[in-house]
């Protein structure tokens, strides 16, 4: 991304939208609305396609592969056909869920980029992503500190000072 000098403060900034106009905030709102509609439509298509096409196909493949017919006892049908099919459907549900989360994450990144461009400031998500340099966020329960906060802490006593 090319850097340009800002006329207001003389510092080098990334490419930014003109300030003081209604257009940048309108662009952010339009991006949020359009991406939300697109994501909801994508979720619907993925869920509908999975439920209507993939699940019956998986059930049929398992039934044909095991050779189970309705002439077999109910226990056999449950053990040989229904249980493996339910396991595969649970795996499919997990795959659909992961796909939906990735699509939502992509939407969030797009909205953050447009917001950064239009408003000239980072949103909280973009600042966090930049701070961690693209690394995965820390798991819940693990405290993380910024470098500035670490500098304010008193120095840790050394092990030699404790044993002396």
Foldseek 3Di string as FASTA:
>chain_A
DDWDADPPPRDIDRAADDPPDPVLVVQLVVLLVVLVVVLVVVLVVLVVCCVPPVLVVLLVVQCVVQVDDPVDDPVCCCVRRVVVSVVVVVVVVVVSVVVSVVSVVVSVVVSQVSNCRYVVDGDPVVVVCVQVVNDDDDDPPDDDDHPVVVVPDDDDDDPVVVVD
